[in-house]
Amino acid sequence: MASSALMLLSLLTHNNNNIMKHMFDINYLKTLEKRKLMHLNKSYYEHQRNKMNENKACVLFNSHERTHKKYYLNNYNFAKR
């Protein structure tokens, strides 16, 4: 218990004036929150874009495969008749 308190005191007082300065600064905390939200939104939209591109590639491949099979199936049936 005492060691953790000493560690915290040393962190707050030992050349870390920046932490103490920004600890209760509302504008700084707001900008931190905005940055976090922007990063989350960016990663979310990037994930959505990647998912959409994968789906598009899958749909294009499947439609090509379907028409390919259909074409050869029809030709096979015509050739058999």
N, C-alpha and C. Protein backbone atom coordinates (compact mmCIF):
# COMPACT_ATOMS: atom_id res chain seq x y z
N MET A 1 0.83 -1.19 0.00
CA MET A 1 0.00 0.00 0.00
C MET A 1 0.87 1.25 0.00
N ALA A 2 1.85 1.26 0.89
CA ALA A 2 2.72 2.43 0.99
C ALA A 2 3.58 2.57 -0.26
N SER A 3 3.99 1.45 -0.83
CA SER A 3 4.85 1.52 -2.02
C SER A 3 4.08 2.08 -3.22
N SER A 4 2.80 1.72 -3.35
CA SER A 4 2.02 2.25 -4.47
C SER A 4 1.78 3.75 -4.30
N ALA A 5 1.58 4.18 -3.04
CA ALA A 5 1.40 5.62 -2.79
C ALA A 5 2.68 6.38 -3.10
N LEU A 6 3.82 5.81 -2.71
CA LEU A 6 5.10 6.45 -3.02
C LEU A 6 5.34 6.51 -4.52
N MET A 7 4.96 5.44 -5.20
CA MET A 7 5.12 5.40 -6.66
C MET A 7 4.27 6.49 -7.31
N LEU A 8 3.04 6.62 -6.85
CA LEU A 8 2.15 7.63 -7.40
C LEU A 8 2.69 9.03 -7.13
N LEU A 9 3.15 9.27 -5.91
CA LEU A 9 3.73 10.58 -5.58
C LEU A 9 4.95 10.88 -6.44
N SER A 10 5.78 9.88 -6.63
CA SER A 10 6.98 10.12 -7.44
C SER A 10 6.61 10.40 -8.89
N LEU A 11 5.57 9.73 -9.38
CA LEU A 11 5.13 9.99 -10.76
C LEU A 11 4.59 11.40 -10.91
N LEU A 12 3.83 11.84 -9.91
CA LEU A 12 3.19 13.15 -10.01
C LEU A 12 4.16 14.29 -9.78
N THR A 13 5.18 14.08 -8.99
CA THR A 13 6.07 15.20 -8.65
C THR A 13 7.38 15.19 -9.41
N HIS A 14 7.80 14.05 -9.91
CA HIS A 14 9.14 13.94 -10.49
C HIS A 14 9.11 14.28 -11.99
N ASN A 15 9.35 15.54 -12.32
CA ASN A 15 9.46 16.02 -13.70
C ASN A 15 8.24 15.70 -14.56
N ASN A 16 7.10 15.55 -13.94
CA ASN A 16 5.88 15.33 -14.70
C ASN A 16 4.88 16.44 -14.41
N ASN A 17 5.32 17.66 -14.60
CA ASN A 17 4.43 18.80 -14.39
C ASN A 17 3.31 18.80 -15.41
N ASN A 18 3.55 18.19 -16.54
CA ASN A 18 2.55 18.13 -17.59
C ASN A 18 1.30 17.39 -17.12
N ILE A 19 1.49 16.30 -16.38
CA ILE A 19 0.35 15.52 -15.87
C ILE A 19 -0.47 16.37 -14.91
N MET A 20 0.21 17.03 -13.98
CA MET A 20 -0.51 17.85 -13.00
C MET A 20 -1.20 19.03 -13.68
N LYS A 21 -0.54 19.59 -14.69
CA LYS A 21 -1.10 20.76 -15.35
C LYS A 21 -2.39 20.40 -16.09
N HIS A 22 -2.41 19.22 -16.72
CA HIS A 22 -3.56 18.86 -17.55
C HIS A 22 -4.59 17.99 -16.82
N MET A 23 -4.32 17.66 -15.57
CA MET A 23 -5.22 16.74 -14.87
C MET A 23 -6.63 17.32 -14.72
N PHE A 24 -6.73 18.62 -14.46
CA PHE A 24 -8.03 19.23 -14.23
C PHE A 24 -8.38 20.27 -15.29
N ASP A 25 -7.67 20.26 -16.40
CA ASP A 25 -7.96 21.21 -17.47
C ASP A 25 -9.10 20.65 -18.33
N ILE A 26 -10.25 21.32 -18.28
CA ILE A 26 -11.44 20.82 -18.96
C ILE A 26 -11.24 20.80 -20.48
N ASN A 27 -10.66 21.86 -21.02
CA ASN A 27 -10.47 21.91 -22.48
C ASN A 27 -9.55 20.80 -22.95
N TYR A 28 -8.51 20.53 -22.19
CA TYR A 28 -7.59 19.45 -22.55
C TYR A 28 -8.30 18.10 -22.53
N LEU A 29 -9.10 17.89 -21.48
CA LEU A 29 -9.84 16.63 -21.38
C LEU A 29 -10.86 16.49 -22.52
N LYS A 30 -11.49 17.61 -22.90
CA LYS A 30 -12.44 17.57 -24.02
C LYS A 30 -11.74 17.22 -25.32
N THR A 31 -10.56 17.82 -25.54
CA THR A 31 -9.84 17.51 -26.78
C THR A 31 -9.38 16.06 -26.79
N LEU A 32 -8.97 15.54 -25.63
CA LEU A 32 -8.60 14.12 -25.56
C LEU A 32 -9.79 13.24 -25.94
N GLU A 33 -10.95 13.58 -25.39
CA GLU A 33 -12.16 12.80 -25.68
C GLU A 33 -12.51 12.88 -27.16
N LYS A 34 -12.39 14.08 -27.74
CA LYS A 34 -12.68 14.24 -29.17
C LYS A 34 -11.73 13.41 -30.02
N ARG A 35 -10.45 13.42 -29.64
CA ARG A 35 -9.47 12.63 -30.40
C ARG A 35 -9.80 11.14 -30.33
N LYS A 36 -10.19 10.68 -29.14
CA LYS A 36 -10.55 9.27 -29.00
C LYS A 36 -11.75 8.93 -29.87
N LEU A 37 -12.76 9.81 -29.84
CA LEU A 37 -13.95 9.56 -30.64
C LEU A 37 -13.64 9.59 -32.13
N MET A 38 -12.80 10.55 -32.56
CA MET A 38 -12.43 10.62 -33.97
C MET A 38 -11.70 9.36 -34.39
N HIS A 39 -10.81 8.87 -33.54
CA HIS A 39 -10.08 7.65 -33.87
C HIS A 39 -11.02 6.45 -33.96
N LEU A 40 -11.98 6.38 -33.01
CA LEU A 40 -12.95 5.28 -33.04
C LEU A 40 -13.80 5.34 -34.29
N ASN A 41 -14.28 6.55 -34.64
CA ASN A 41 -15.10 6.69 -35.85
C ASN A 41 -14.31 6.31 -37.09
N LYS A 42 -13.06 6.75 -37.13
CA LYS A 42 -12.21 6.46 -38.29
C LYS A 42 -12.01 4.95 -38.43
N SER A 43 -11.72 4.28 -37.33
CA SER A 43 -11.50 2.83 -37.41
C SER A 43 -12.81 2.11 -37.74
N TYR A 44 -13.95 2.62 -37.23
CA TYR A 44 -15.24 2.01 -37.53
C TYR A 44 -15.55 2.12 -39.02
N TYR A 45 -15.37 3.34 -39.59
CA TYR A 45 -15.68 3.52 -41.00
C TYR A 45 -14.71 2.74 -41.88
N GLU A 46 -13.46 2.64 -41.44
CA GLU A 46 -12.49 1.84 -42.19
C GLU A 46 -12.91 0.36 -42.20
N HIS A 47 -13.37 -0.11 -41.05
CA HIS A 47 -13.85 -1.50 -40.96
C HIS A 47 -15.06 -1.71 -41.86
N GLN A 48 -16.00 -0.75 -41.84
CA GLN A 48 -17.19 -0.86 -42.69
C GLN A 48 -16.80 -0.88 -44.16
N ARG A 49 -15.86 0.00 -44.55
CA ARG A 49 -15.43 0.06 -45.94
C ARG A 49 -14.78 -1.25 -46.38
N ASN A 50 -13.94 -1.80 -45.51
CA ASN A 50 -13.29 -3.08 -45.83
C ASN A 50 -14.32 -4.21 -45.97
N LYS A 51 -15.31 -4.20 -45.06
CA LYS A 51 -16.35 -5.23 -45.11
C LYS A 51 -17.16 -5.11 -46.40
N MET A 52 -17.47 -3.86 -46.79
CA MET A 52 -18.24 -3.64 -48.01
C MET A 52 -17.45 -4.09 -49.23
N ASN A 53 -16.15 -3.79 -49.27
CA ASN A 53 -15.33 -4.22 -50.40
C ASN A 53 -15.24 -5.74 -50.48
N GLU A 54 -15.12 -6.39 -49.34
CA GLU A 54 -15.09 -7.86 -49.33
C GLU A 54 -16.40 -8.43 -49.84
N ASN A 55 -17.52 -7.85 -49.39
CA ASN A 55 -18.83 -8.32 -49.85
C ASN A 55 -19.00 -8.11 -51.34
N LYS A 56 -18.54 -6.95 -51.82
CA LYS A 56 -18.65 -6.66 -53.25
C LYS A 56 -17.85 -7.66 -54.07
N ALA A 57 -16.63 -7.95 -53.62
CA ALA A 57 -15.79 -8.92 -54.32
C ALA A 57 -16.44 -10.30 -54.31
N CYS A 58 -17.03 -10.65 -53.17
CA CYS A 58 -17.68 -11.96 -53.05
C CYS A 58 -18.88 -12.04 -54.00
N VAL A 59 -19.69 -10.99 -54.05
CA VAL A 59 -20.87 -10.98 -54.91
C VAL A 59 -20.46 -11.04 -56.37
N LEU A 60 -19.44 -10.26 -56.75
CA LEU A 60 -18.99 -10.28 -58.14
C LEU A 60 -18.49 -11.66 -58.53
N PHE A 61 -17.72 -12.26 -57.65
CA PHE A 61 -17.18 -13.59 -57.96
C PHE A 61 -18.30 -14.61 -58.07
N ASN A 62 -19.25 -14.55 -57.12
CA ASN A 62 -20.34 -15.53 -57.14
C ASN A 62 -21.23 -15.36 -58.36
N SER A 63 -21.51 -14.12 -58.76
CA SER A 63 -22.35 -13.91 -59.94
C SER A 63 -21.63 -14.40 -61.19
N HIS A 64 -20.33 -14.16 -61.26
CA HIS A 64 -19.55 -14.65 -62.40
C HIS A 64 -19.57 -16.17 -62.43
N GLU A 65 -19.39 -16.77 -61.27
CA GLU A 65 -19.38 -18.23 -61.18
C GLU A 65 -20.74 -18.80 -61.58
N ARG A 66 -21.81 -18.14 -61.13
CA ARG A 66 -23.16 -18.61 -61.43
C ARG A 66 -23.43 -18.55 -62.94
N THR A 67 -23.10 -17.41 -63.56
CA THR A 67 -23.34 -17.29 -65.01
C THR A 67 -22.44 -18.26 -65.77
N HIS A 68 -21.23 -18.46 -65.30
CA HIS A 68 -20.30 -19.39 -65.94
C HIS A 68 -20.89 -20.81 -65.94
N LYS A 69 -21.38 -21.23 -64.76
CA LYS A 69 -21.97 -22.57 -64.65
C LYS A 69 -23.22 -22.67 -65.52
N LYS A 70 -24.04 -21.62 -65.51
CA LYS A 70 -25.28 -21.62 -66.27
C LYS A 70 -24.99 -21.75 -67.77
N TYR A 71 -24.01 -21.02 -68.23
CA TYR A 71 -23.64 -21.03 -69.65
C TYR A 71 -23.21 -22.43 -70.07
N TYR A 72 -22.33 -23.04 -69.28
CA TYR A 72 -21.85 -24.36 -69.65
C TYR A 72 -22.91 -25.43 -69.48
N LEU A 73 -23.78 -25.25 -68.50
CA LEU A 73 -24.87 -26.20 -68.31
C LEU A 73 -25.81 -26.15 -69.51
N ASN A 74 -26.16 -24.93 -69.96
CA ASN A 74 -27.04 -24.79 -71.12
C ASN A 74 -26.40 -25.37 -72.37
N ASN A 75 -25.13 -25.09 -72.59
CA ASN A 75 -24.45 -25.61 -73.77
C ASN A 75 -24.36 -27.13 -73.72
N TYR A 76 -24.14 -27.65 -72.54
CA TYR A 76 -24.07 -29.11 -72.40
C TYR A 76 -25.41 -29.73 -72.74
N ASN A 77 -26.49 -29.09 -72.26
CA ASN A 77 -27.83 -29.61 -72.56
C ASN A 77 -28.13 -29.54 -74.05
N PHE A 78 -27.73 -28.45 -74.71
CA PHE A 78 -27.97 -28.32 -76.14
C PHE A 78 -27.16 -29.36 -76.92
N ALA A 79 -25.94 -29.60 -76.47
CA ALA A 79 -25.09 -30.55 -77.18
C ALA A 79 -25.63 -31.97 -77.03
N LYS A 80 -26.24 -32.25 -75.89
CA LYS A 80 -26.77 -33.60 -75.66
C LYS A 80 -28.02 -33.87 -76.48
N ARG A 81 -28.79 -32.82 -76.77
CA ARG A 81 -30.06 -33.01 -77.48
C ARG A 81 -29.76 -33.37 -78.86
